[in-house]
Amino acid sequence: WEESLCVFGAELLAEVEHDLTAILGTVMRRGGRN
């Protein structure tokens, strides 16, 4: 409904954050907060 992808888990986030930000753009939330 908001066309976003939530990634959770510190290890997974560390592996994919750079590439996902490059592909999907701006991060909407971190730690559940805008």
Full PDB file with SEQRES, HELIX, SHEET, SSBOND, CRYST1, ORIGX, SCALE, CONECT and MASTER records, all heavy atoms in Angstrom:
SEQRES   1 A   34  TRP GLU GLU SER LEU CYS VAL PHE GLY ALA GLU LEU LEU          
SEQRES   2 A   34  ALA GLU VAL GLU HIS ASP LEU THR ALA ILE LEU GLY THR          
SEQRES   3 A   34  VAL MET ARG ARG GLY GLY ARG ASN                              
HELIX    1 AA1 ALA A   10  LEU A   24  1                                  15    
CRYST1    1.000    1.000    1.000  90.00  90.00  90.00 P 1           1          
ORIGX1      1.000000  0.000000  0.000000        0.00000                         
ORIGX2      0.000000  1.000000  0.000000        0.00000                         
ORIGX3      0.000000  0.000000  1.000000        0.00000                         
SCALE1      1.000000  0.000000  0.000000        0.00000                         
SCALE2      0.000000  1.000000  0.000000        0.00000                         
SCALE3      0.000000  0.000000  1.000000        0.00000                         
ATOM      1  N   TRP A   1       0.804  -1.213   0.000  1.00  0.00           N  
ATOM      2  CA  TRP A   1       0.000   0.000   0.000  1.00  0.00           C  
ATOM      3  C   TRP A   1       0.845   1.274   0.000  1.00  0.00           C  
ATOM      4  O   TRP A   1       0.369   2.316  -0.366  1.00  0.00           O  
ATOM      5  CB  TRP A   1      -0.980   0.016   1.163  1.00  0.00           C  
ATOM      6  CG  TRP A   1      -0.317  -0.089   2.502  1.00  0.00           C  
ATOM      7  CD1 TRP A   1       0.080   0.948   3.296  1.00  0.00           C  
ATOM      8  CD2 TRP A   1       0.033  -1.279   3.185  1.00  0.00           C  
ATOM      9  NE1 TRP A   1       0.659   0.473   4.443  1.00  0.00           N  
ATOM     10  CE2 TRP A   1       0.644  -0.901   4.400  1.00  0.00           C  
ATOM     11  CE3 TRP A   1      -0.100  -2.637   2.907  1.00  0.00           C  
ATOM     12  CZ2 TRP A   1       1.111  -1.834   5.318  1.00  0.00           C  
ATOM     13  CZ3 TRP A   1       0.364  -3.559   3.823  1.00  0.00           C  
ATOM     14  CH2 TRP A   1       0.953  -3.144   5.013  1.00  0.00           C  
ATOM     15  N   GLU A   2       2.105   1.206   0.442  1.00  0.00           N  
ATOM     16  CA  GLU A   2       2.958   2.396   0.364  1.00  0.00           C  
ATOM     17  C   GLU A   2       4.161   2.174  -0.547  1.00  0.00           C  
ATOM     18  O   GLU A   2       5.027   3.021  -0.652  1.00  0.00           O  
ATOM     19  CB  GLU A   2       3.412   2.865   1.741  1.00  0.00           C  
ATOM     20  CG  GLU A   2       4.325   1.915   2.460  1.00  0.00           C  
ATOM     21  CD  GLU A   2       4.792   2.457   3.804  1.00  0.00           C  
ATOM     22  OE1 GLU A   2       4.081   3.228   4.446  1.00  0.00           O  
ATOM     23  OE2 GLU A   2       5.900   2.075   4.203  1.00  0.00           O  
ATOM     24  N   GLU A   3       4.181   1.035  -1.206  1.00  0.00           N  
ATOM     25  CA  GLU A   3       5.234   0.682  -2.162  1.00  0.00           C  
ATOM     26  C   GLU A   3       6.623   0.874  -1.561  1.00  0.00           C  
ATOM     27  O   GLU A   3       7.458   1.618  -2.075  1.00  0.00           O  
ATOM     28  CB  GLU A   3       5.071   1.478  -3.450  1.00  0.00           C  
ATOM     29  CG  GLU A   3       3.775   1.155  -4.166  1.00  0.00           C  
ATOM     30  CD  GLU A   3       3.609   1.883  -5.479  1.00  0.00           C  
ATOM     31  OE1 GLU A   3       4.413   2.766  -5.808  1.00  0.00           O  
ATOM     32  OE2 GLU A   3       2.643   1.549  -6.186  1.00  0.00           O  
ATOM     33  N   SER A   4       6.865   0.192  -0.440  1.00  0.00           N  
ATOM     34  CA  SER A   4       8.167   0.252   0.219  1.00  0.00           C  
ATOM     35  C   SER A   4       8.604  -1.153   0.621  1.00  0.00           C  
ATOM     36  O   SER A   4       7.797  -2.070   0.721  1.00  0.00           O  
ATOM     37  CB  SER A   4       8.112   1.161   1.450  1.00  0.00           C  
ATOM     38  OG  SER A   4       7.296   0.589   2.445  1.00  0.00           O  
ATOM     39  N   LEU A   5       9.895  -1.298   0.829  1.00  0.00           N  
ATOM     40  CA  LEU A   5      10.479  -2.569   1.242  1.00  0.00           C  
ATOM     41  C   LEU A   5      11.117  -2.378   2.605  1.00  0.00           C  
ATOM     42  O   LEU A   5      11.940  -1.482   2.793  1.00  0.00           O  
ATOM     43  CB  LEU A   5      11.539  -3.018   0.233  1.00  0.00           C  
ATOM     44  CG  LEU A   5      12.294  -4.294   0.573  1.00  0.00           C  
ATOM     45  CD1 LEU A   5      11.357  -5.504   0.526  1.00  0.00           C  
ATOM     46  CD2 LEU A   5      13.460  -4.482  -0.378  1.00  0.00           C  
ATOM     47  N   CYS A   6      10.734  -3.200   3.563  1.00  0.00           N  
ATOM     48  CA  CYS A   6      11.302  -3.170   4.909  1.00  0.00           C  
ATOM     49  C   CYS A   6      12.348  -4.279   5.004  1.00  0.00           C  
ATOM     50  O   CYS A   6      12.064  -5.432   4.684  1.00  0.00           O  
ATOM     51  CB  CYS A   6      10.199  -3.401   5.940  1.00  0.00           C  
ATOM     52  SG  CYS A   6      10.801  -3.521   7.632  1.00  0.00           S  
ATOM     53  N   VAL A   7      13.543  -3.928   5.415  1.00  0.00           N  
ATOM     54  CA  VAL A   7      14.611  -4.904   5.635  1.00  0.00           C  
ATOM     55  C   VAL A   7      14.906  -4.882   7.127  1.00  0.00           C  
ATOM     56  O   VAL A   7      15.173  -3.831   7.694  1.00  0.00           O  
ATOM     57  CB  VAL A   7      15.883  -4.536   4.839  1.00  0.00           C  
ATOM     58  CG1 VAL A   7      16.999  -5.521   5.120  1.00  0.00           C  
ATOM     59  CG2 VAL A   7      15.584  -4.482   3.344  1.00  0.00           C  
ATOM     60  N   PHE A   8      14.860  -6.040   7.776  1.00  0.00           N  
ATOM     61  CA  PHE A   8      15.133  -6.078   9.204  1.00  0.00           C  
ATOM     62  C   PHE A   8      16.176  -7.133   9.524  1.00  0.00           C  
ATOM     63  O   PHE A   8      16.304  -8.131   8.830  1.00  0.00           O  
ATOM     64  CB  PHE A   8      13.857  -6.288  10.029  1.00  0.00           C  
ATOM     65  CG  PHE A   8      13.021  -7.468   9.613  1.00  0.00           C  
ATOM     66  CD1 PHE A   8      13.165  -8.686  10.244  1.00  0.00           C  
ATOM     67  CD2 PHE A   8      12.100  -7.358   8.584  1.00  0.00           C  
ATOM     68  CE1 PHE A   8      12.389  -9.779   9.875  1.00  0.00           C  
ATOM     69  CE2 PHE A   8      11.320  -8.429   8.208  1.00  0.00           C  
ATOM     70  CZ  PHE A   8      11.469  -9.649   8.848  1.00  0.00           C  
ATOM     71  N   GLY A   9      16.954  -6.838  10.557  1.00  0.00           N  
ATOM     72  CA  GLY A   9      18.081  -7.678  10.941  1.00  0.00           C  
ATOM     73  C   GLY A   9      19.379  -6.972  10.592  1.00  0.00           C  
ATOM     74  O   GLY A   9      19.622  -6.647   9.428  1.00  0.00           O  
ATOM     75  N   ALA A  10      20.186  -6.694  11.598  1.00  0.00           N  
ATOM     76  CA  ALA A  10      21.410  -5.912  11.397  1.00  0.00           C  
ATOM     77  C   ALA A  10      22.351  -6.540  10.370  1.00  0.00           C  
ATOM     78  O   ALA A  10      22.926  -5.833   9.542  1.00  0.00           O  
ATOM     79  CB  ALA A  10      22.126  -5.727  12.735  1.00  0.00           C  
ATOM     80  N   GLU A  11      22.500  -7.858  10.409  1.00  0.00           N  
ATOM     81  CA  GLU A  11      23.424  -8.519   9.480  1.00  0.00           C  
ATOM     82  C   GLU A  11      22.943  -8.404   8.039  1.00  0.00           C  
ATOM     83  O   GLU A  11      23.726  -8.101   7.129  1.00  0.00           O  
ATOM     84  CB  GLU A  11      23.609  -9.979   9.865  1.00  0.00           C  
ATOM     85  CG  GLU A  11      24.339 -10.157  11.183  1.00  0.00           C  
ATOM     86  CD  GLU A  11      24.389 -11.609  11.617  1.00  0.00           C  
ATOM     87  OE1 GLU A  11      23.984 -12.495  10.838  1.00  0.00           O  
ATOM     88  OE2 GLU A  11      24.836 -11.850  12.743  1.00  0.00           O  
ATOM     89  N   LEU A  12      21.654  -8.649   7.808  1.00  0.00           N  
ATOM     90  CA  LEU A  12      21.097  -8.538   6.460  1.00  0.00           C  
ATOM     91  C   LEU A  12      21.175  -7.096   5.971  1.00  0.00           C  
ATOM     92  O   LEU A  12      21.585  -6.836   4.845  1.00  0.00           O  
ATOM     93  CB  LEU A  12      19.653  -9.031   6.430  1.00  0.00           C  
ATOM     94  CG  LEU A  12      18.930  -8.903   5.090  1.00  0.00           C  
ATOM     95  CD1 LEU A  12      19.656  -9.665   3.988  1.00  0.00           C  
ATOM     96  CD2 LEU A  12      17.492  -9.374   5.216  1.00  0.00           C  
ATOM     97  N   LEU A  13      20.791  -6.154   6.811  1.00  0.00           N  
ATOM     98  CA  LEU A  13      20.820  -4.748   6.424  1.00  0.00           C  
ATOM     99  C   LEU A  13      22.236  -4.312   6.045  1.00  0.00           C  
ATOM    100  O   LEU A  13      22.426  -3.606   5.049  1.00  0.00           O  
ATOM    101  CB  LEU A  13      20.282  -3.873   7.554  1.00  0.00           C  
ATOM    102  CG  LEU A  13      20.152  -2.395   7.240  1.00  0.00           C  
ATOM    103  CD1 LEU A  13      19.244  -2.166   6.033  1.00  0.00           C  
ATOM    104  CD2 LEU A  13      19.635  -1.649   8.446  1.00  0.00           C  
ATOM    105  N   ALA A  14      23.222  -4.742   6.799  1.00  0.00           N  
ATOM    106  CA  ALA A  14      24.610  -4.393   6.486  1.00  0.00           C  
ATOM    107  C   ALA A  14      25.022  -4.907   5.103  1.00  0.00           C  
ATOM    108  O   ALA A  14      25.782  -4.251   4.394  1.00  0.00           O  
ATOM    109  CB  ALA A  14      25.546  -4.961   7.555  1.00  0.00           C  
ATOM    110  N   GLU A  15      24.496  -6.056   4.702  1.00  0.00           N  
ATOM    111  CA  GLU A  15      24.843  -6.643   3.403  1.00  0.00           C  
ATOM    112  C   GLU A  15      24.151  -5.966   2.225  1.00  0.00           C  
ATOM    113  O   GLU A  15      24.717  -5.877   1.147  1.00  0.00           O  
ATOM    114  CB  GLU A  15      24.501  -8.137   3.382  1.00  0.00           C  
ATOM    115  CG  GLU A  15      25.384  -8.983   4.244  1.00  0.00           C  
ATOM    116  CD  GLU A  15      26.810  -9.033   3.725  1.00  0.00           C  
ATOM    117  OE1 GLU A  15      27.011  -9.100   2.496  1.00  0.00           O  
ATOM    118  OE2 GLU A  15      27.727  -8.984   4.567  1.00  0.00           O  
ATOM    119  N   VAL A  16      22.919  -5.488   2.415  1.00  0.00           N  
ATOM    120  CA  VAL A  16      22.122  -5.020   1.270  1.00  0.00           C  
ATOM    121  C   VAL A  16      21.854  -3.517   1.238  1.00  0.00           C  
ATOM    122  O   VAL A  16      21.386  -3.001   0.226  1.00  0.00           O  
ATOM    123  CB  VAL A  16      20.778  -5.775   1.182  1.00  0.00           C  
ATOM    124  CG1 VAL A  16      21.001  -7.272   1.061  1.00  0.00           C  
ATOM    125  CG2 VAL A  16      19.887  -5.461   2.371  1.00  0.00           C  
ATOM    126  N   GLU A  17      22.134  -2.799   2.310  1.00  0.00           N  
ATOM    127  CA  GLU A  17      21.744  -1.394   2.406  1.00  0.00           C  
ATOM    128  C   GLU A  17      22.279  -0.537   1.262  1.00  0.00           C  
ATOM    129  O   GLU A  17      21.530   0.219   0.634  1.00  0.00           O  
ATOM    130  CB  GLU A  17      22.186  -0.796   3.740  1.00  0.00           C  
ATOM    131  CG  GLU A  17      21.775   0.645   3.890  1.00  0.00           C  
ATOM    132  CD  GLU A  17      22.108   1.205   5.266  1.00  0.00           C  
ATOM    133  OE1 GLU A  17      22.927   0.625   5.997  1.00  0.00           O  
ATOM    134  OE2 GLU A  17      21.523   2.250   5.588  1.00  0.00           O  
ATOM    135  N   HIS A  18      23.546  -0.626   0.965  1.00  0.00           N  
ATOM    136  CA  HIS A  18      24.136   0.216  -0.088  1.00  0.00           C  
ATOM    137  C   HIS A  18      23.469  -0.034  -1.441  1.00  0.00           C  
ATOM    138  O   HIS A  18      23.057   0.907  -2.125  1.00  0.00           O  
ATOM    139  CB  HIS A  18      25.641  -0.019  -0.174  1.00  0.00           C  
ATOM    140  CG  HIS A  18      26.289   0.777  -1.259  1.00  0.00           C  
ATOM    141  ND1 HIS A  18      26.518   2.133  -1.148  1.00  0.00           N  
ATOM    142  CD2 HIS A  18      26.724   0.418  -2.483  1.00  0.00           C  
ATOM    143  CE1 HIS A  18      27.070   2.570  -2.257  1.00  0.00           C  
ATOM    144  NE2 HIS A  18      27.216   1.555  -3.089  1.00  0.00           N  
ATOM    145  N   ASP A  19      23.357  -1.304  -1.819  1.00  0.00           N  
ATOM    146  CA  ASP A  19      22.767  -1.637  -3.117  1.00  0.00           C  
ATOM    147  C   ASP A  19      21.288  -1.273  -3.187  1.00  0.00           C  
ATOM    148  O   ASP A  19      20.821  -0.735  -4.196  1.00  0.00           O  
ATOM    149  CB  ASP A  19      22.949  -3.125  -3.434  1.00  0.00           C  
ATOM    150  CG  ASP A  19      24.405  -3.485  -3.683  1.00  0.00           C  
ATOM    151  OD1 ASP A  19      25.176  -2.590  -4.080  1.00  0.00           O  
ATOM    152  OD2 ASP A  19      24.754  -4.663  -3.474  1.00  0.00           O  
ATOM    153  N   LEU A  20      20.536  -1.546  -2.125  1.00  0.00           N  
ATOM    154  CA  LEU A  20      19.108  -1.213  -2.142  1.00  0.00           C  
ATOM    155  C   LEU A  20      18.875   0.294  -2.203  1.00  0.00           C  
ATOM    156  O   LEU A  20      17.978   0.755  -2.903  1.00  0.00           O  
ATOM    157  CB  LEU A  20      18.389  -1.794  -0.918  1.00  0.00           C  
ATOM    158  CG  LEU A  20      18.123  -3.285  -0.960  1.00  0.00           C  
ATOM    159  CD1 LEU A  20      17.415  -3.727   0.317  1.00  0.00           C  
ATOM    160  CD2 LEU A  20      17.304  -3.668  -2.175  1.00  0.00           C  
ATOM    161  N   THR A  21      19.689   1.061  -1.502  1.00  0.00           N  
ATOM    162  CA  THR A  21      19.550   2.514  -1.564  1.00  0.00           C  
ATOM    163  C   THR A  21      19.859   3.013  -2.972  1.00  0.00           C  
ATOM    164  O   THR A  21      19.174   3.893  -3.491  1.00  0.00           O  
ATOM    165  CB  THR A  21      20.461   3.194  -0.527  1.00  0.00           C  
ATOM    166  OG1 THR A  21      20.111   2.711   0.772  1.00  0.00           O  
ATOM    167  CG2 THR A  21      20.300   4.706  -0.549  1.00  0.00           C  
ATOM    168  N   ALA A  22      20.862   2.430  -3.621  1.00  0.00           N  
ATOM    169  CA  ALA A  22      21.201   2.815  -4.993  1.00  0.00           C  
ATOM    170  C   ALA A  22      20.074   2.468  -5.963  1.00  0.00           C  
ATOM    171  O   ALA A  22      19.781   3.227  -6.885  1.00  0.00           O  
ATOM    172  CB  ALA A  22      22.501   2.133  -5.416  1.00  0.00           C  
ATOM    173  N   ILE A  23      19.413   1.340  -5.734  1.00  0.00           N  
ATOM    174  CA  ILE A  23      18.347   0.882  -6.643  1.00  0.00           C  
ATOM    175  C   ILE A  23      17.010   1.560  -6.324  1.00  0.00           C  
ATOM    176  O   ILE A  23      16.323   2.045  -7.224  1.00  0.00           O  
ATOM    177  CB  ILE A  23      18.178  -0.652  -6.544  1.00  0.00           C  
ATOM    178  CG1 ILE A  23      19.423  -1.346  -7.078  1.00  0.00           C  
ATOM    179  CG2 ILE A  23      16.935  -1.114  -7.293  1.00  0.00           C  
ATOM    180  CD1 ILE A  23      19.481  -2.825  -6.745  1.00  0.00           C  
ATOM    181  N   LEU A  24      16.632   1.613  -5.052  1.00  0.00           N  
ATOM    182  CA  LEU A  24      15.305   2.074  -4.659  1.00  0.00           C  
ATOM    183  C   LEU A  24      15.239   3.547  -4.281  1.00  0.00           C  
ATOM    184  O   LEU A  24      14.162   4.126  -4.244  1.00  0.00           O  
ATOM    185  CB  LEU A  24      14.782   1.226  -3.491  1.00  0.00           C  
ATOM    186  CG  LEU A  24      14.650  -0.263  -3.775  1.00  0.00           C  
ATOM    187  CD1 LEU A  24      14.196  -0.994  -2.521  1.00  0.00           C  
ATOM    188  CD2 LEU A  24      13.692  -0.510  -4.926  1.00  0.00           C  
ATOM    189  N   GLY A  25      16.358   4.144  -3.943  1.00  0.00           N  
ATOM    190  CA  GLY A  25      16.360   5.559  -3.592  1.00  0.00           C  
ATOM    191  C   GLY A  25      16.326   5.811  -2.099  1.00  0.00           C  
ATOM    192  O   GLY A  25      16.759   4.990  -1.301  1.00  0.00           O  
ATOM    193  N   THR A  26      15.757   6.934  -1.744  1.00  0.00           N  
ATOM    194  CA  THR A  26      15.777   7.455  -0.380  1.00  0.00           C  
ATOM    195  C   THR A  26      15.151   6.505   0.632  1.00  0.00           C  
ATOM    196  O   THR A  26      14.104   5.925   0.390  1.00  0.00           O  
ATOM    197  CB  THR A  26      15.011   8.787  -0.339  1.00  0.00           C  
ATOM    198  OG1 THR A  26      15.558   9.642  -1.328  1.00  0.00           O  
ATOM    199  CG2 THR A  26      15.119   9.456   1.007  1.00  0.00           C  
ATOM    200  N   VAL A  27      15.794   6.398   1.784  1.00  0.00           N  
ATOM    201  CA  VAL A  27      15.277   5.597   2.897  1.00  0.00           C  
ATOM    202  C   VAL A  27      14.126   6.352   3.541  1.00  0.00           C  
ATOM    203  O   VAL A  27      14.236   7.545   3.836  1.00  0.00           O  
ATOM    204  CB  VAL A  27      16.395   5.333   3.927  1.00  0.00           C  
ATOM    205  CG1 VAL A  27      15.848   4.616   5.149  1.00  0.00           C  
ATOM    206  CG2 VAL A  27      17.525   4.539   3.283  1.00  0.00           C  
ATOM    207  N   MET A  28      12.992   5.674   3.746  1.00  0.00           N  
ATOM    208  CA  MET A  28      11.824   6.304   4.362  1.00  0.00           C  
ATOM    209  C   MET A  28      11.897   6.288   5.886  1.00  0.00           C  
ATOM    210  O   MET A  28      11.518   7.242   6.539  1.00  0.00           O  
ATOM    211  CB  MET A  28      10.544   5.585   3.930  1.00  0.00           C  
ATOM    212  CG  MET A  28      10.250   5.711   2.461  1.00  0.00           C  
ATOM    213  SD  MET A  28       8.858   4.682   1.942  1.00  0.00           S  
ATOM    214  CE  MET A  28       7.499   5.515   2.721  1.00  0.00           C  
ATOM    215  N   ARG A  29      12.338   5.166   6.458  1.00  0.00           N  
ATOM    216  CA  ARG A  29      12.365   5.014   7.914  1.00  0.00           C  
ATOM    217  C   ARG A  29      13.616   4.254   8.330  1.00  0.00           C  
ATOM    218  O   ARG A  29      14.118   3.420   7.599  1.00  0.00           O  
ATOM    219  CB  ARG A  29      11.152   4.214   8.394  1.00  0.00           C  
ATOM    220  CG  ARG A  29       9.861   4.915   8.246  1.00  0.00           C  
ATOM    221  CD  ARG A  29       8.722   4.064   8.841  1.00  0.00           C  
ATOM    222  NE  ARG A  29       7.466   4.539   8.334  1.00  0.00           N  
ATOM    223  CZ  ARG A  29       6.876   4.086   7.238  1.00  0.00           C  
ATOM    224  NH1 ARG A  29       7.402   3.112   6.547  1.00  0.00           N  
ATOM    225  NH2 ARG A  29       5.741   4.609   6.828  1.00  0.00           N  
ATOM    226  N   ARG A  30      14.043   4.522   9.544  1.00  0.00           N  
ATOM    227  CA  ARG A  30      15.102   3.740  10.196  1.00  0.00           C  
ATOM    228  C   ARG A  30      14.621   3.444  11.607  1.00  0.00           C  
ATOM    229  O   ARG A  30      14.176   4.350  12.308  1.00  0.00           O  
ATOM    230  CB  ARG A  30      16.410   4.510  10.264  1.00  0.00           C  
ATOM    231  CG  ARG A  30      17.075   4.648   8.937  1.00  0.00           C  
ATOM    232  CD  ARG A  30      18.536   5.043   9.113  1.00  0.00           C  
ATOM    233  NE  ARG A  30      19.127   5.257   7.820  1.00  0.00           N  
ATOM    234  CZ  ARG A  30      19.627   4.295   7.060  1.00  0.00           C  
ATOM    235  NH1 ARG A  30      19.619   3.056   7.483  1.00  0.00           N  
ATOM    236  NH2 ARG A  30      20.146   4.570   5.884  1.00  0.00           N  
ATOM    237  N   GLY A  31      14.685   2.206  11.990  1.00  0.00           N  
ATOM    238  CA  GLY A  31      14.243   1.839  13.331  1.00  0.00           C  
ATOM    239  C   GLY A  31      12.777   2.137  13.594  1.00  0.00           C  
ATOM    240  O   GLY A  31      12.399   2.413  14.720  1.00  0.00           O  
ATOM    241  N   GLY A  32      11.967   2.117  12.532  1.00  0.00           N  
ATOM    242  CA  GLY A  32      10.540   2.372  12.669  1.00  0.00           C  
ATOM    243  C   GLY A  32      10.167   3.840  12.710  1.00  0.00           C  
ATOM    244  O   GLY A  32       9.001   4.182  12.844  1.00  0.00           O  
ATOM    245  N   ARG A  33      11.136   4.730  12.597  1.00  0.00           N  
ATOM    246  CA  ARG A  33      10.864   6.170  12.644  1.00  0.00           C  
ATOM    247  C   ARG A  33      11.179   6.808  11.295  1.00  0.00           C  
ATOM    248  O   ARG A  33      12.156   6.456  10.648  1.00  0.00           O  
ATOM    249  CB  ARG A  33      11.703   6.837  13.723  1.00  0.00           C  
ATOM    250  CG  ARG A  33      11.402   6.292  15.105  1.00  0.00           C  
ATOM    251  CD  ARG A  33      12.133   7.096  16.154  1.00  0.00           C  
ATOM    252  NE  ARG A  33      11.931   6.518  17.462  1.00  0.00           N  
ATOM    253  CZ  ARG A  33      10.957   6.877  18.285  1.00  0.00           C  
ATOM    254  NH1 ARG A  33      10.097   7.796  17.934  1.00  0.00           N  
ATOM    255  NH2 ARG A  33      10.851   6.324  19.470  1.00  0.00           N  
ATOM    256  N   ASN A  34      10.352   7.788  10.898  1.00  0.00           N  
ATOM    257  CA  ASN A  34      10.585   8.495   9.646  1.00  0.00           C  
ATOM    258  C   ASN A  34      11.956   9.153   9.673  1.00  0.00           C  
ATOM    259  O   ASN A  34      12.380   9.669  10.703  1.00  0.00           O  
ATOM    260  CB  ASN A  34       9.515   9.557   9.414  1.00  0.00           C  
ATOM    261  CG  ASN A  34       8.178   8.961   9.089  1.00  0.00           C  
ATOM    262  OD1 ASN A  34       8.073   7.799   8.728  1.00  0.00           O  
ATOM    263  ND2 ASN A  34       7.143   9.745   9.233  1.00  0.00           N  
TER     264      ASN A  34                                                      
MASTER        0    0    0    1    0    0    0    6  263    1    0    3          
END                                                                             
